[in-house]
Amino acid sequence: MDQPDPTTDSLADAEAKLDEDQDLAVDDAADEGRQRLWIRCLTPLLQLRVRESDPSDRVQFAFDQMYVAACERVARILRSDLGA
């Protein structure tokens, strides 16, 4: 007599699965928003690129490193849009 009702258990499992799916969808949407924000922030930095180099080698090297890192980040984000 102490056996649980199988219909109640399957309903609880279904609700738990639905809650988990909704949480994952919200996380995916938030992640997508963060990625778009990265692209919006990095685009102006990538547009700063000029042909003339900075008189200071250290400043030019730092700017080149920033430019490469920004390009890699944008490429990684856009590559994730292609799907696997």
Protein backbone atom coordinates (compact mmCIF):
# COMPACT_ATOMS: atom_id res chain seq x y z
CA MET A 1 0.00 0.00 0.00
CA ASP A 2 2.96 2.33 0.44
CA GLN A 3 3.91 2.16 -3.21
CA PRO A 4 4.04 5.55 -4.95
CA ASP A 5 1.56 6.30 -7.69
CA PRO A 6 3.40 5.89 -11.05
CA THR A 7 1.38 8.65 -12.72
CA THR A 8 2.41 11.15 -10.08
CA ASP A 9 6.08 10.19 -10.39
CA SER A 10 6.12 10.53 -14.16
CA LEU A 11 4.36 13.90 -13.88
CA ALA A 12 6.95 15.14 -11.38
CA ASP A 13 9.76 13.88 -13.64
CA ALA A 14 8.23 15.65 -16.64
CA GLU A 15 7.92 18.91 -14.69
CA ALA A 16 11.52 18.65 -13.51
CA LYS A 17 12.68 18.03 -17.09
CA LEU A 18 10.66 21.02 -18.31
CA ASP A 19 12.15 23.26 -15.61
CA GLU A 20 15.65 22.09 -16.55
CA ASP A 21 15.01 22.74 -20.25
CA GLN A 22 13.70 26.23 -19.49
CA ASP A 23 16.76 26.99 -17.35
CA LEU A 24 19.04 25.87 -20.17
CA ALA A 25 17.15 28.03 -22.68
CA VAL A 26 17.49 31.07 -20.43
CA ASP A 27 21.22 30.39 -19.97
CA ASP A 28 21.68 30.04 -23.75
CA ALA A 29 19.87 33.32 -24.39
CA ALA A 30 21.97 35.11 -21.77
CA ASP A 31 25.15 33.67 -23.26
CA GLU A 32 24.06 34.79 -26.74
CA GLY A 33 23.51 38.31 -25.39
CA ARG A 34 26.95 38.39 -23.81
CA GLN A 35 28.55 37.27 -27.06
CA ARG A 36 26.75 39.99 -29.03
CA LEU A 37 27.87 42.55 -26.45
CA TRP A 38 31.48 41.42 -26.94
CA ILE A 39 31.18 41.96 -30.68
CA ARG A 40 29.59 45.40 -30.19
CA CYS A 41 32.41 46.41 -27.84
CA LEU A 42 35.25 45.05 -29.94
CA THR A 43 34.13 46.48 -33.28
CA PRO A 44 35.19 50.08 -32.48
CA LEU A 45 38.58 48.81 -31.27
CA LEU A 46 39.10 46.96 -34.52
CA GLN A 47 38.21 50.11 -36.45
CA LEU A 48 41.02 52.05 -34.73
CA ARG A 49 43.65 50.26 -36.78
CA VAL A 50 45.81 52.72 -38.73
CA ARG A 51 48.58 52.13 -41.25
CA GLU A 52 51.16 54.29 -39.47
CA SER A 53 52.93 52.73 -36.53
CA ASP A 54 53.22 54.37 -33.14
CA PRO A 55 56.58 56.06 -32.41
CA SER A 56 56.92 53.94 -29.29
CA ASP A 57 57.66 50.29 -30.03
CA ARG A 58 56.06 49.20 -26.75
CA VAL A 59 52.82 51.03 -27.47
CA GLN A 60 52.69 49.63 -31.00
CA PHE A 61 53.38 46.10 -29.73
CA ALA A 62 50.62 46.40 -27.11
CA PHE A 63 48.19 47.72 -29.71
CA ASP A 64 49.09 44.89 -32.09
CA GLN A 65 48.55 42.32 -29.33
CA MET A 66 45.17 43.86 -28.47
CA TYR A 67 44.17 43.82 -32.13
CA VAL A 68 45.10 40.15 -32.55
CA ALA A 69 43.28 39.15 -29.35
CA ALA A 70 40.16 41.07 -30.39
CA CYS A 71 40.17 39.46 -33.85
CA GLU A 72 40.54 36.00 -32.31
CA ARG A 73 37.68 36.64 -29.90
CA VAL A 74 35.33 37.88 -32.62
CA ALA A 75 36.28 34.95 -34.88
CA ARG A 76 35.57 32.48 -32.06
CA ILE A 77 32.16 34.03 -31.39
CA LEU A 78 31.20 34.09 -35.05
CA ARG A 79 32.47 30.54 -35.57
CA SER A 80 30.10 29.37 -32.83
CA ASP A 81 27.21 30.78 -34.90
CA LEU A 82 28.03 28.40 -37.73
CA GLY A 83 27.10 25.39 -35.65
CA ALA A 84 28.89 22.12 -35.48
